[in-house]
């Protein structure tokens, strides 16, 4: 099971992903989908470093695809980051809706 926690409180954002989908022993499309969304969000951050005010913790890029099944973004960012973050969260929630035995998403939002 992949566990996703997505939290936003004002300009502080947290996205934590851990686990494995175990959808299929080979060619796990659920893991691939989650990984693609998270990697895209990391790519956005890499290309827009001026939008980050403070990094509390973030998985290093080379660790993102190491097979550990874990990734974390915990940052203070400008409002420009919000659409990218929400797009990733919506995509992860859609995967969880389609594959509820493999992915769960915990949404915690205040003052959006």
C-alpha atoms as a PDB file:
ATOM      1  CA  UNK A   1       0.000   0.000   0.000  1.00  0.00           C
ATOM      2  CA  UNK A   2       1.197   3.494  -0.858  1.00  0.00           C
ATOM      3  CA  UNK A   3       0.423   6.070   1.820  1.00  0.00           C
ATOM      4  CA  UNK A   4       0.216   9.719   0.786  1.00  0.00           C
ATOM      5  CA  UNK A   5      -0.105  12.634   3.186  1.00  0.00           C
ATOM      6  CA  UNK A   6      -0.816  16.003   1.619  1.00  0.00           C
ATOM      7  CA  UNK A   7      -1.009  19.044   3.850  1.00  0.00           C
ATOM      8  CA  UNK A   8      -1.190  22.764   3.288  1.00  0.00           C
ATOM      9  CA  UNK A   9      -1.394  25.415   5.941  1.00  0.00           C
ATOM     10  CA  UNK A  10      -1.035  28.921   4.536  1.00  0.00           C
ATOM     11  CA  UNK A  11       2.307  28.861   2.682  1.00  0.00           C
ATOM     12  CA  UNK A  12       3.637  25.623   4.200  1.00  0.00           C
ATOM     13  CA  UNK A  13       3.259  22.521   2.059  1.00  0.00           C
ATOM     14  CA  UNK A  14       3.857  18.878   2.918  1.00  0.00           C
ATOM     15  CA  UNK A  15       3.681  15.933   0.557  1.00  0.00           C
ATOM     16  CA  UNK A  16       4.870  12.638   1.984  1.00  0.00           C
ATOM     17  CA  UNK A  17       4.686   9.392   0.028  1.00  0.00           C
ATOM     18  CA  UNK A  18       5.745   6.002   1.331  1.00  0.00           C
ATOM     19  CA  UNK A  19       5.232   2.345   0.588  1.00  0.00           C
ATOM     20  CA  UNK A  20       4.676   0.217  -2.481  1.00  0.00           C
ATOM     21  CA  UNK A  21       1.413  -0.384  -4.332  1.00  0.00           C
ATOM     22  CA  UNK A  22       1.952  -4.116  -4.856  1.00  0.00           C
ATOM     23  CA  UNK A  23      -0.561  -3.920  -7.695  1.00  0.00           C
ATOM     24  CA  UNK A  24       1.418  -6.304  -9.881  1.00  0.00           C
ATOM     25  CA  UNK A  25       4.688  -8.175  -9.360  1.00  0.00           C
ATOM     26  CA  UNK A  26       5.978  -6.844 -12.673  1.00  0.00           C
ATOM     27  CA  UNK A  27       5.155  -3.575 -14.412  1.00  0.00           C
ATOM     28  CA  UNK A  28       3.305  -2.028 -11.471  1.00  0.00           C
ATOM     29  CA  UNK A  29       1.292   0.718 -13.164  1.00  0.00           C
ATOM     30  CA  UNK A  30       0.049   2.108  -9.854  1.00  0.00           C
ATOM     31  CA  UNK A  31       3.579   2.678  -8.515  1.00  0.00           C
ATOM     32  CA  UNK A  32       4.577   4.105 -11.874  1.00  0.00           C
ATOM     33  CA  UNK A  33       1.691   6.587 -11.844  1.00  0.00           C
ATOM     34  CA  UNK A  34       2.405   7.786  -8.312  1.00  0.00           C
ATOM     35  CA  UNK A  35       6.129   8.038  -9.045  1.00  0.00           C
ATOM     36  CA  UNK A  36       5.519  10.056 -12.213  1.00  0.00           C
ATOM     37  CA  UNK A  37       3.362  12.602 -10.400  1.00  0.00           C
ATOM     38  CA  UNK A  38       5.822  13.007  -7.526  1.00  0.00           C
ATOM     39  CA  UNK A  39       8.791  13.251  -9.908  1.00  0.00           C
ATOM     40  CA  UNK A  40       6.969  15.960 -11.888  1.00  0.00           C
ATOM     41  CA  UNK A  41       6.447  17.994  -8.710  1.00  0.00           C
ATOM     42  CA  UNK A  42      10.137  17.636  -7.828  1.00  0.00           C
ATOM     43  CA  UNK A  43      10.930  18.766 -11.379  1.00  0.00           C
ATOM     44  CA  UNK A  44       8.778  21.869 -10.913  1.00  0.00           C
ATOM     45  CA  UNK A  45      10.658  22.721  -7.722  1.00  0.00           C
ATOM     46  CA  UNK A  46      14.026  22.185  -9.387  1.00  0.00           C
ATOM     47  CA  UNK A  47      13.064  24.545 -12.212  1.00  0.00           C
ATOM     48  CA  UNK A  48      11.535  27.216  -9.969  1.00  0.00           C
ATOM     49  CA  UNK A  49      13.915  27.529  -6.996  1.00  0.00           C
ATOM     50  CA  UNK A  50      13.022  31.190  -6.440  1.00  0.00           C
ATOM     51  CA  UNK A  51       9.517  30.118  -5.365  1.00  0.00           C
ATOM     52  CA  UNK A  52      10.872  28.260  -2.321  1.00  0.00           C
ATOM     53  CA  UNK A  53      11.132  30.353   0.841  1.00  0.00           C
ATOM     54  CA  UNK A  54      12.396  27.628   3.169  1.00  0.00           C
ATOM     55  CA  UNK A  55      13.053  23.891   2.937  1.00  0.00           C
ATOM     56  CA  UNK A  56      12.185  21.965   6.080  1.00  0.00           C
ATOM     57  CA  UNK A  57      12.947  18.635   4.399  1.00  0.00           C
ATOM     58  CA  UNK A  58      13.000  17.308   0.871  1.00  0.00           C
ATOM     59  CA  UNK A  59      14.063  13.988  -0.604  1.00  0.00           C
ATOM     60  CA  UNK A  60      17.200  14.425  -2.653  1.00  0.00           C
ATOM     61  CA  UNK A  61      16.556  14.002  -6.363  1.00  0.00           C
ATOM     62  CA  UNK A  62      18.898  11.029  -6.701  1.00  0.00           C
ATOM     63  CA  UNK A  63      17.003   9.257  -3.878  1.00  0.00           C
ATOM     64  CA  UNK A  64      13.605   9.805  -5.501  1.00  0.00           C
ATOM     65  CA  UNK A  65      13.811   6.783  -7.774  1.00  0.00           C
ATOM     66  CA  UNK A  66      16.043   4.511  -5.691  1.00  0.00           C
ATOM     67  CA  UNK A  67      13.290   1.962  -5.103  1.00  0.00           C
ATOM     68  CA  UNK A  68      12.760   2.885  -1.452  1.00  0.00           C
ATOM     69  CA  UNK A  69       9.181   3.920  -2.103  1.00  0.00           C
ATOM     70  CA  UNK A  70       9.613   7.123  -0.105  1.00  0.00           C
ATOM     71  CA  UNK A  71       9.560  10.783  -1.020  1.00  0.00           C
ATOM     72  CA  UNK A  72       8.965  13.951   0.952  1.00  0.00           C
ATOM     73  CA  UNK A  73       8.518  17.624   0.225  1.00  0.00           C
ATOM     74  CA  UNK A  74       8.073  19.845   3.265  1.00  0.00           C
ATOM     75  CA  UNK A  75       8.623  23.459   2.325  1.00  0.00           C
ATOM     76  CA  UNK A  76       7.494  27.019   2.767  1.00  0.00           C
ATOM     77  CA  UNK A  77       6.762  28.385  -0.673  1.00  0.00           C
ATOM     78  CA  UNK A  78       5.220  31.289  -2.536  1.00  0.00           C
ATOM     79  CA  UNK A  79       1.632  31.187  -3.746  1.00  0.00           C
ATOM     80  CA  UNK A  80       2.952  30.353  -7.225  1.00  0.00           C
ATOM     81  CA  UNK A  81       3.680  26.821  -5.976  1.00  0.00           C
ATOM     82  CA  UNK A  82       0.051  26.166  -4.993  1.00  0.00           C
ATOM     83  CA  UNK A  83      -1.278  25.179  -8.471  1.00  0.00           C
ATOM     84  CA  UNK A  84       1.594  22.733  -9.018  1.00  0.00           C
ATOM     85  CA  UNK A  85       1.097  21.230  -5.561  1.00  0.00           C
ATOM     86  CA  UNK A  86      -2.681  20.920  -5.956  1.00  0.00           C
ATOM     87  CA  UNK A  87      -2.326  19.391  -9.421  1.00  0.00           C
ATOM     88  CA  UNK A  88      -0.059  16.697  -7.968  1.00  0.00           C
ATOM     89  CA  UNK A  89      -2.401  16.097  -5.019  1.00  0.00           C
ATOM     90  CA  UNK A  90      -5.445  15.809  -7.293  1.00  0.00           C
ATOM     91  CA  UNK A  91      -3.585  13.350  -9.519  1.00  0.00           C
ATOM     92  CA  UNK A  92      -2.583  11.230  -6.513  1.00  0.00           C
ATOM     93  CA  UNK A  93      -6.155  11.321  -5.181  1.00  0.00           C
ATOM     94  CA  UNK A  94      -7.465  10.164  -8.565  1.00  0.00           C
ATOM     95  CA  UNK A  95      -5.079   7.209  -8.525  1.00  0.00           C
ATOM     96  CA  UNK A  96      -6.211   6.395  -4.965  1.00  0.00           C
ATOM     97  CA  UNK A  97      -9.837   6.522  -6.089  1.00  0.00           C
ATOM     98  CA  UNK A  98      -9.145   4.156  -8.989  1.00  0.00           C
ATOM     99  CA  UNK A  99      -6.961   1.795  -6.913  1.00  0.00           C
ATOM    100  CA  UNK A 100      -8.212   2.003  -3.293  1.00  0.00           C
ATOM    101  CA  UNK A 101      -6.539  -1.286  -2.324  1.00  0.00           C
ATOM    102  CA  UNK A 102      -3.162   0.097  -3.372  1.00  0.00           C
ATOM    103  CA  UNK A 103      -3.093   3.817  -2.531  1.00  0.00           C
ATOM    104  CA  UNK A 104      -4.528   5.914   0.282  1.00  0.00           C
ATOM    105  CA  UNK A 105      -4.391   9.710   0.458  1.00  0.00           C
ATOM    106  CA  UNK A 106      -4.772  11.701   3.669  1.00  0.00           C
ATOM    107  CA  UNK A 107      -5.676  15.319   2.873  1.00  0.00           C
ATOM    108  CA  UNK A 108      -5.126  17.973   5.526  1.00  0.00           C
ATOM    109  CA  UNK A 109      -5.839  21.481   4.328  1.00  0.00           C
ATOM    110  CA  UNK A 110      -6.459  24.670   6.274  1.00  0.00           C
ATOM    111  CA  UNK A 111      -6.784  28.276   5.138  1.00  0.00           C
ATOM    112  CA  UNK A 112      -6.487  27.727   1.402  1.00  0.00           C
END
